[in-house]
Amino acid sequence: MKIVLKNVNLLHPEQKINEKGKDILLINGVINNIGSLSKEDLADAKVFDFSGKYVVPGFFDMHVHLREPGREDEETVVKGCNAAANGGITGIACMPNTEPAIDSAEVVEFIKKQAAGHLVDVNVIAAATLGRKGEIISPMAELREAGVVGFSDDGAAIKTSAILKRALEYSMMYNLPIIEHCEDEALAGGAMNEGVNSTMLGLPPIPSIAEDLIVMRDIIIGEYTGGKVHIAHISTKRAVEMVREAKKKGIRITAETTPHHFTLTDDAVKTYDTNTKMNPPLRTQKDVNEILTGLKDGTIDCIASDHAPHSPEEKEVEFDHAPNGITGIETEIGLALSELVHKKILSLDELINKLSINPRKILNLPIPKFEEGQPANFTILDIEEIWTVDLSKSKSKSKNSPFDKRLLTGRPIAVMNNGKMFYEDKFADL
């Protein structure tokens, strides 16, 4: 099958490619020619006129909750992958807080079987400890052999310094990161960020130091062991400052943030909408400003959605009793283009690094290439389209997002990977 992408702008910062008005010929999902195509190339080809659109290396979300196994009422592997494709993502890493936790090769193999044949690549983050209980290291060698790309007790920090030290020492043998949800258990348990708003709203607070203390601990132990520490969904000013200083010292630390943590503050909680309840919680404008600075100066390496589906009956309760988390994999690119690129916080090149290149580097995954003979792994962007988020059209099984009806500028219009294309709301073979 021959496919032609007509008159596209190619942008690949890792390969230093920035070219406009190019044609791409794909044959059976593989790049055959890039440039100006001949009549012979165009013969019998299906042509997509993407004039003015950007073709970039397929975006990768390294923090997604697929809920399967155990909570298929909230999300499944296939539904989560459909949502990812709809959101312009061609690869994801799924987190281990499933039921049972991803702490054995059997669970890893089950998830991979569910994802087999999909456009979206599913990579697995395994639990760092058995059952994510923070007591006994998981069988890392077995899990690595099964193909996992990192370890985490996501949903909670690794419980003790001793276990974290041991986990880092073992993971170093495979050059895999320990991905940390940084929150001091003794300071956790609230419903929103501690501050003026939590006092006014009468909601139990979570102080920002709950995150800061664990980030500080992890940096120190990471420095001592030489292991790879990745800070998930960083949200506080002090945490960003500590990661910045750690990087200057050469400590092997990376960090991600989420769109909701660079677009919203705890003012959003004033509506008591449970879709504004998440962990880490929405913080203050000072925290948001530092996250934006951290994105700009490279302190924060990646943007990830922390896609956390919940069923309506779980979220439609009193704020205190609602579970943490929002769906986000279908809105993260639109939010990033609107709030970062169009507001000149990041260039489009820099955004591609945060959403495609850096996450794959952290997880030791191959980076898609724009070269003849390489499989097409593309996200196609219209960076000027103005659109409104409509959760009724979401491909996720759950719809718990605070961004419904938000006006955005820029969106993904198609993705290609694994010999498949998602375009105009449907999947097709290439």
Protein backbone atom coordinates (compact mmCIF):
# COMPACT_ATOMS: atom_id res chain seq x y z
CA MET A 1 0.00 0.00 0.00
CA LYS A 2 1.28 3.43 -0.95
CA ILE A 3 0.52 6.50 1.14
CA VAL A 4 1.69 10.04 0.39
CA LEU A 5 1.74 12.83 2.95
CA LYS A 6 1.70 15.94 0.80
CA ASN A 7 3.42 19.26 1.50
CA VAL A 8 4.22 18.71 5.20
CA ASN A 9 6.62 20.47 7.55
CA LEU A 10 9.14 18.01 8.96
CA LEU A 11 10.43 18.71 12.46
CA HIS A 12 12.78 16.35 14.30
CA PRO A 13 15.09 18.12 16.79
CA GLU A 14 17.15 15.01 17.55
CA GLN A 15 18.04 14.64 13.87
CA LYS A 16 18.24 18.42 13.41
CA ILE A 17 15.56 18.27 10.71
CA ASN A 18 13.47 21.38 10.10
CA GLU A 19 12.16 21.35 6.55
CA LYS A 20 9.00 22.77 5.02
CA GLY A 21 6.88 21.73 2.06
CA LYS A 22 8.11 18.12 1.82
CA ASP A 23 6.30 15.04 0.56
CA ILE A 24 6.63 11.66 2.27
CA LEU A 25 6.02 8.37 0.48
CA LEU A 26 5.15 5.41 2.68
CA ILE A 27 4.96 1.87 1.34
CA ASN A 28 3.35 -0.61 3.73
CA GLY A 29 3.95 1.74 6.65
CA VAL A 30 7.66 2.24 5.91
CA ILE A 31 9.30 5.48 4.77
CA ASN A 32 10.28 5.03 1.13
CA ASN A 33 11.06 8.59 0.07
CA ILE A 34 11.18 12.06 1.59
CA GLY A 35 11.35 15.12 -0.64
CA SER A 36 9.74 16.00 -3.97
CA LEU A 37 8.01 12.94 -5.35
CA SER A 38 7.82 11.88 -8.98
CA LYS A 39 4.66 11.02 -10.90
CA GLU A 40 5.67 7.38 -10.57
CA ASP A 41 5.81 7.74 -6.78
CA LEU A 42 2.33 9.27 -6.77
CA ALA A 43 0.81 6.65 -9.06
CA ASP A 44 -1.77 4.48 -7.26
CA ALA A 45 -0.99 6.21 -3.96
CA LYS A 46 -3.53 7.44 -1.44
CA VAL A 47 -2.66 11.11 -0.98
CA PHE A 48 -3.26 13.10 2.20
CA ASP A 49 -2.84 16.83 1.68
CA PHE A 50 -1.40 18.02 4.97
CA SER A 51 -0.22 21.40 3.71
CA GLY A 52 1.10 23.49 6.57
CA LYS A 53 0.82 20.66 9.07
CA TYR A 54 3.81 19.42 11.07
CA VAL A 55 5.04 15.84 11.02
CA VAL A 56 7.00 15.13 14.19
CA PRO A 57 8.36 11.95 15.80
CA GLY A 58 5.45 10.16 17.46
CA PHE A 59 4.71 11.50 20.93
CA PHE A 60 5.26 9.30 23.98
CA ASP A 61 3.45 9.54 27.32
CA MET A 62 5.50 7.91 30.07
CA HIS A 63 2.86 8.07 32.82
CA VAL A 64 -0.49 6.44 32.02
CA HIS A 65 -2.86 4.37 34.15
CA LEU A 66 -4.60 1.71 32.09
CA ARG A 67 -6.34 0.12 35.12
CA GLU A 68 -6.28 -3.35 33.58
CA PRO A 69 -6.07 -5.84 35.21
CA GLY A 70 -8.51 -5.24 38.03
CA ARG A 71 -10.47 -2.08 37.24
CA GLU A 72 -11.75 -2.62 33.73
CA ASP A 73 -14.83 -0.59 34.70
CA GLU A 74 -12.55 2.50 34.66
CA GLU A 75 -10.28 1.75 31.69
CA THR A 76 -8.88 -1.10 29.63
CA VAL A 77 -5.63 -1.46 27.74
CA VAL A 78 -7.40 -1.15 24.38
CA LYS A 79 -9.59 1.80 25.42
CA GLY A 80 -6.58 3.58 26.89
CA CYS A 81 -4.63 3.02 23.67
CA ASN A 82 -7.56 4.33 21.63
CA ALA A 83 -7.56 7.46 23.79
CA ALA A 84 -3.81 7.80 23.33
CA ALA A 85 -4.11 7.65 19.53
CA ASN A 86 -6.93 10.19 19.65
CA GLY A 87 -4.65 12.42 21.73
CA GLY A 88 -1.75 12.22 19.27
CA ILE A 89 0.31 9.69 21.24
CA THR A 90 1.99 6.70 19.56
CA GLY A 91 3.63 5.18 22.64
CA ILE A 92 2.87 4.98 26.34
CA ALA A 93 4.29 3.57 29.56
CA CYS A 94 1.65 2.15 31.87
CA MET A 95 1.96 2.37 35.65
CA PRO A 96 1.86 -0.60 38.03
CA ASN A 97 -0.94 0.31 40.45
CA THR A 98 -3.32 -2.23 38.96
CA GLU A 99 -5.09 -5.03 40.83
CA PRO A 100 -2.99 -7.15 41.11
CA ALA A 101 0.02 -4.87 40.89
CA ILE A 102 2.44 -5.35 38.01
CA ASP A 103 5.01 -7.25 40.08
CA SER A 104 5.32 -10.48 38.09
CA ALA A 105 6.16 -11.52 34.55
CA GLU A 106 2.66 -12.99 34.18
CA VAL A 107 0.98 -9.60 34.63
CA VAL A 108 3.46 -7.96 32.25
CA GLU A 109 2.75 -10.60 29.62
CA PHE A 110 -1.01 -10.19 30.10
CA ILE A 111 -0.82 -6.43 29.44
CA LYS A 112 1.38 -6.94 26.39
CA LYS A 113 -1.05 -9.51 25.04
CA GLN A 114 -3.94 -7.07 25.46
CA ALA A 115 -1.98 -4.38 23.59
CA ALA A 116 -0.75 -6.62 20.77
CA GLY A 117 -1.45 -5.32 17.29
CA HIS A 118 -2.49 -1.83 18.36
CA LEU A 119 -1.18 1.35 16.75
CA VAL A 120 0.02 2.55 20.17
CA ASP A 121 3.11 0.93 21.67
CA VAL A 122 2.54 -0.10 25.28
CA ASN A 123 5.59 -0.28 27.52
CA VAL A 124 5.27 -1.47 31.09
CA ILE A 125 6.50 0.09 34.33
CA ALA A 126 6.68 -2.62 36.99
CA ALA A 127 6.23 -2.28 40.73
CA ALA A 128 9.46 -1.59 42.60
CA THR A 129 8.25 -3.67 45.56
CA LEU A 130 5.92 -6.64 45.83
CA GLY A 131 2.34 -5.48 45.82
CA ARG A 132 3.65 -1.89 45.95
CA LYS A 133 3.76 -2.35 49.72
CA GLY A 134 7.28 -0.95 50.11
CA GLU A 135 8.55 -3.96 52.03
CA ILE A 136 10.21 -6.45 49.65
CA ILE A 137 11.92 -5.65 46.36
CA SER A 138 10.07 -7.02 43.34
CA PRO A 139 11.77 -9.66 41.16
CA MET A 140 13.54 -7.07 39.00
CA ALA A 141 15.56 -9.53 36.91
CA GLU A 142 12.44 -11.50 35.99
CA LEU A 143 10.53 -8.31 35.25
CA ARG A 144 13.33 -6.90 33.12
CA GLU A 145 13.47 -10.14 31.16
CA ALA A 146 9.71 -9.76 30.60
CA GLY A 147 10.45 -6.38 29.01
CA VAL A 148 9.62 -3.72 31.60
CA VAL A 149 11.22 -0.30 31.13
CA GLY A 150 11.27 1.03 34.69
CA PHE A 151 10.15 0.45 38.27
CA SER A 152 7.80 2.43 40.50
CA ASP A 153 5.43 2.08 43.45
CA ASP A 154 3.37 4.82 41.81
CA GLY A 155 0.53 6.05 43.95
CA ALA A 156 2.99 6.12 46.83
CA ALA A 157 6.67 6.79 47.36
CA ILE A 158 8.88 3.80 48.07
CA LYS A 159 8.23 3.44 51.78
CA THR A 160 11.67 3.54 53.39
CA SER A 161 15.11 4.87 52.54
CA ALA A 162 16.56 1.39 52.92
CA ILE A 163 14.19 -0.12 50.36
CA LEU A 164 14.74 2.79 47.97
CA LYS A 165 18.51 2.37 48.25
CA ARG A 166 18.22 -1.33 47.49
CA ALA A 167 15.81 -0.74 44.59
CA LEU A 168 18.20 1.79 43.03
CA GLU A 169 21.15 -0.58 43.42
CA TYR A 170 19.28 -3.42 41.72
CA SER A 171 17.80 -1.26 38.96
CA MET A 172 21.28 0.05 38.13
CA MET A 173 22.18 -3.41 36.84
CA TYR A 174 19.67 -2.84 34.03
CA ASN A 175 20.15 0.93 33.68
CA LEU A 176 16.44 1.40 34.40
CA PRO A 177 14.96 4.31 36.37
CA ILE A 178 13.13 4.22 39.66
CA ILE A 179 10.10 6.43 39.06
CA GLU A 180 8.95 8.09 42.25
CA HIS A 181 5.60 9.47 43.35
CA CYS A 182 7.09 11.86 45.88
CA GLU A 183 4.88 12.22 48.93
CA ASP A 184 5.69 11.74 52.60
CA GLU A 185 3.10 9.27 53.85
CA ALA A 186 2.90 10.90 57.29
CA LEU A 187 1.96 14.24 55.71
CA ALA A 188 -0.41 12.82 53.11
CA GLY A 189 -4.09 12.01 53.30
CA GLY A 190 -5.60 15.42 52.59
CA ALA A 191 -7.80 16.51 49.71
CA MET A 192 -6.03 19.60 48.32
CA ASN A 193 -2.95 21.80 48.62
CA GLU A 194 -2.44 23.38 52.02
CA GLY A 195 -2.92 27.14 51.89
CA VAL A 196 -5.47 29.92 51.99
CA ASN A 197 -7.87 28.05 49.72
CA SER A 198 -7.88 24.85 51.78
CA THR A 199 -8.68 26.94 54.87
CA MET A 200 -11.46 28.86 53.11
CA LEU A 201 -12.97 25.71 51.61
CA GLY A 202 -12.68 23.66 54.80
CA LEU A 203 -10.91 20.81 53.03
CA PRO A 204 -8.18 18.69 54.65
CA PRO A 205 -4.79 19.90 53.37
CA ILE A 206 -1.69 18.32 51.87
CA PRO A 207 1.35 20.54 52.51
CA SER A 208 3.84 21.10 49.69
CA ILE A 209 6.62 19.86 51.98
CA ALA A 210 5.12 16.36 51.67
CA GLU A 211 6.51 16.34 48.14
CA ASP A 212 9.66 18.31 48.90
CA LEU A 213 10.85 15.96 51.65
CA ILE A 214 10.70 12.86 49.44
CA VAL A 215 12.30 14.66 46.49
CA MET A 216 15.16 15.66 48.83
CA ARG A 217 15.46 12.07 50.13
CA ASP A 218 15.49 10.60 46.65
CA ILE A 219 18.13 13.05 45.41
CA ILE A 220 20.43 12.21 48.32
CA ILE A 221 20.01 8.44 47.91
CA GLY A 222 20.31 8.76 44.13
CA GLU A 223 23.58 10.62 44.56
CA TYR A 224 24.86 7.99 47.02
CA THR A 225 23.99 4.99 44.84
CA GLY A 226 24.49 6.48 41.38
CA GLY A 227 21.10 5.10 40.37
CA LYS A 228 18.59 6.70 37.99
CA VAL A 229 15.82 8.58 39.79
CA HIS A 230 12.85 9.99 37.89
CA ILE A 231 10.48 12.33 39.70
CA ALA A 232 6.92 11.80 38.50
CA HIS A 233 4.41 14.67 38.18
CA ILE A 234 6.58 17.28 39.94
CA SER A 235 4.36 20.04 41.32
CA THR A 236 6.10 22.30 43.85
CA LYS A 237 8.45 25.24 43.51
CA ARG A 238 10.96 23.82 46.00
CA ALA A 239 11.00 20.40 44.31
CA VAL A 240 11.83 21.99 40.95
CA GLU A 241 14.62 24.02 42.58
CA MET A 242 16.09 20.90 44.20
CA VAL A 243 16.07 18.95 40.94
CA ARG A 244 17.77 21.89 39.20
CA GLU A 245 20.56 21.92 41.79
CA ALA A 246 20.91 18.13 41.67
CA LYS A 247 21.35 18.22 37.91
CA LYS A 248 24.09 20.82 38.27
CA LYS A 249 25.90 18.38 40.55
CA GLY A 250 25.68 15.63 37.96
CA ILE A 251 23.22 13.47 39.88
CA ARG A 252 21.27 11.11 37.60
CA ILE A 253 17.86 12.63 38.08
CA THR A 254 15.08 13.48 35.66
CA ALA A 255 11.58 14.86 36.12
CA GLU A 256 8.21 15.14 34.44
CA THR A 257 5.26 17.45 34.97
CA THR A 258 1.66 17.30 33.84
CA PRO A 259 -0.48 19.76 31.87
CA HIS A 260 -2.80 20.27 34.84
CA HIS A 261 0.16 21.29 37.00
CA PHE A 262 1.29 23.97 34.54
CA THR A 263 -2.19 25.23 33.63
CA LEU A 264 -4.26 25.16 36.84
CA THR A 265 -3.86 26.36 40.43
CA ASP A 266 -5.74 25.42 43.58
CA ASP A 267 -8.16 28.23 42.76
CA ALA A 268 -9.84 25.66 40.48
CA VAL A 269 -10.89 23.68 43.57
CA LYS A 270 -13.22 26.51 44.65
CA THR A 271 -15.94 24.93 42.51
CA TYR A 272 -15.71 21.70 44.56
CA ASP A 273 -15.57 19.88 41.22
CA THR A 274 -14.04 16.51 42.07
CA ASN A 275 -12.34 16.56 38.66
CA THR A 276 -9.95 19.08 40.22
CA LYS A 277 -8.94 16.55 42.88
CA MET A 278 -5.63 14.89 42.09
CA ASN A 279 -2.41 13.78 43.71
CA PRO A 280 -0.15 15.69 43.80
CA PRO A 281 -2.81 18.36 44.26
CA LEU A 282 -3.10 21.55 42.27
CA ARG A 283 -0.70 24.06 43.82
CA THR A 284 -0.27 27.86 43.88
CA GLN A 285 0.64 30.30 41.13
CA LYS A 286 4.20 30.47 42.51
CA ASP A 287 4.51 26.71 41.99
CA VAL A 288 3.08 26.96 38.47
CA ASN A 289 5.52 29.75 37.61
CA GLU A 290 8.48 27.65 38.76
CA ILE A 291 7.26 24.66 36.76
CA LEU A 292 7.12 26.85 33.65
CA THR A 293 10.67 28.04 34.40
CA GLY A 294 11.75 24.43 34.90
CA LEU A 295 10.28 23.42 31.56
CA LYS A 296 12.03 26.30 29.85
CA ASP A 297 15.49 25.77 31.38
CA GLY A 298 15.48 21.98 31.03
CA THR A 299 15.13 21.12 34.72
CA ILE A 300 11.90 19.30 33.82
CA ASP A 301 12.64 16.80 31.07
CA CYS A 302 9.19 15.55 30.08
CA ILE A 303 5.49 16.26 29.94
CA ALA A 304 3.23 13.33 30.83
CA SER A 305 -0.52 13.13 31.34
CA ASP A 306 -0.79 10.99 34.50
CA HIS A 307 -3.96 9.75 32.78
CA ALA A 308 -6.02 8.42 35.71
CA PRO A 309 -9.51 7.27 34.71
CA HIS A 310 -12.28 6.93 37.30
CA SER A 311 -15.90 5.92 36.85
CA PRO A 312 -18.62 8.58 37.29
CA GLU A 313 -20.03 6.98 40.44
CA GLU A 314 -16.60 7.23 42.08
CA LYS A 315 -16.14 10.90 41.26
CA GLU A 316 -19.74 12.03 41.91
CA VAL A 317 -19.35 12.13 45.68
CA GLU A 318 -18.24 14.67 48.30
CA PHE A 319 -14.86 16.16 47.45
CA ASP A 320 -13.15 14.56 50.47
CA HIS A 321 -14.27 11.09 49.45
CA ALA A 322 -13.58 11.26 45.71
CA PRO A 323 -10.55 9.42 44.33
CA ASN A 324 -7.58 11.40 43.05
CA GLY A 325 -6.88 11.75 39.36
CA ILE A 326 -8.11 12.94 35.99
CA THR A 327 -8.08 11.69 32.43
CA GLY A 328 -5.56 13.65 30.39
CA ILE A 329 -4.07 11.74 27.51
CA GLU A 330 -6.42 13.32 24.95
CA THR A 331 -5.88 16.93 26.05
CA GLU A 332 -2.18 17.10 26.92
CA ILE A 333 -0.93 18.08 23.46
CA GLY A 334 -3.61 20.72 22.98
CA LEU A 335 -2.87 22.17 26.41
CA ALA A 336 0.88 22.10 25.80
CA LEU A 337 0.56 23.85 22.43
CA SER A 338 -1.86 26.43 23.84
CA GLU A 339 -0.12 27.16 27.14
CA LEU A 340 3.53 26.59 26.26
CA VAL A 341 4.17 27.05 22.53
CA HIS A 342 1.66 29.80 21.75
CA LYS A 343 2.60 31.64 24.96
CA LYS A 344 6.28 31.32 24.00
CA ILE A 345 7.35 29.34 27.05
CA LEU A 346 8.71 26.61 24.76
CA SER A 347 9.49 26.44 21.07
CA LEU A 348 7.87 23.64 19.07
CA ASP A 349 11.29 21.95 18.94
CA GLU A 350 11.53 22.08 22.74
CA LEU A 351 8.02 20.68 23.11
CA ILE A 352 8.89 17.74 20.84
CA ASN A 353 11.84 16.99 23.10
CA LYS A 354 9.56 16.96 26.15
CA LEU A 355 6.87 14.81 24.50
CA SER A 356 8.82 12.48 22.23
CA ILE A 357 12.60 12.41 22.61
CA ASN A 358 13.32 12.73 26.34
CA PRO A 359 10.79 10.19 27.66
CA ARG A 360 12.16 7.54 25.33
CA LYS A 361 15.74 8.36 26.37
CA ILE A 362 14.84 8.03 30.05
CA LEU A 363 13.27 4.61 29.42
CA ASN A 364 16.01 3.45 26.99
CA LEU A 365 13.60 3.18 24.07
CA PRO A 366 14.47 3.78 20.42
CA ILE A 367 13.63 7.22 19.04
CA PRO A 368 11.64 7.27 15.79
CA LYS A 369 13.72 8.42 12.81
CA PHE A 370 12.87 10.28 9.65
CA GLU A 371 14.90 8.10 7.27
CA GLU A 372 14.19 5.90 4.29
CA GLY A 373 13.63 2.31 5.40
CA GLN A 374 12.39 3.33 8.86
CA PRO A 375 8.85 2.53 9.98
CA ALA A 376 6.56 5.54 10.10
CA ASN A 377 6.06 6.64 13.71
CA PHE A 378 4.53 10.10 13.34
CA THR A 379 2.35 12.58 15.14
CA ILE A 380 0.83 15.10 12.73
CA LEU A 381 0.02 18.50 14.22
CA ASP A 382 -2.11 21.43 13.21
CA ILE A 383 -0.62 24.00 15.55
CA GLU A 384 -3.11 26.74 14.61
CA GLU A 385 -6.46 24.93 14.77
CA ILE A 386 -8.79 26.38 17.39
CA TRP A 387 -10.96 23.74 19.01
CA THR A 388 -13.02 23.02 22.10
CA VAL A 389 -12.50 19.99 24.34
CA ASP A 390 -15.57 17.75 24.18
CA LEU A 391 -15.42 14.86 26.62
CA SER A 392 -18.44 13.24 24.99
CA LYS A 393 -16.10 12.37 22.10
CA SER A 394 -13.38 10.91 24.33
CA LYS A 395 -12.12 7.43 23.48
CA SER A 396 -11.33 6.70 27.13
CA LYS A 397 -13.74 4.61 29.14
CA SER A 398 -13.87 7.42 31.74
CA LYS A 399 -14.50 11.16 31.31
CA ASN A 400 -13.16 12.69 34.56
CA SER A 401 -11.42 15.82 33.31
CA PRO A 402 -11.60 19.46 34.43
CA PHE A 403 -10.88 20.61 30.87
CA ASP A 404 -14.23 19.85 29.25
CA LYS A 405 -15.35 22.78 27.05
CA ARG A 406 -11.93 24.46 27.32
CA LEU A 407 -10.91 26.40 24.19
CA LEU A 408 -7.47 25.38 22.90
CA THR A 409 -5.21 26.32 20.00
CA GLY A 410 -3.31 23.53 18.28
CA ARG A 411 -4.04 19.83 18.22
CA PRO A 412 -2.89 16.50 16.79
CA ILE A 413 -4.87 15.55 13.72
CA ALA A 414 -3.37 12.12 12.97
CA VAL A 415 -0.91 9.51 14.18
CA MET A 416 0.93 6.70 12.38
CA ASN A 417 2.73 3.74 13.91
CA ASN A 418 2.98 -0.03 13.61
CA GLY A 419 1.64 0.05 10.05
CA LYS A 420 -1.55 1.77 11.16
CA MET A 421 -3.03 5.26 11.00
CA PHE A 422 -5.57 7.05 13.16
CA TYR A 423 -7.16 9.93 11.25
CA GLU A 424 -10.60 11.51 11.15
CA ASP A 425 -11.74 9.42 14.09
CA LYS A 426 -10.93 6.01 12.65
CA PHE A 427 -8.12 3.49 12.42
CA ALA A 428 -6.82 2.21 9.08
CA ASP A 429 -3.91 0.08 7.85
CA LEU A 430 -1.06 1.83 6.06
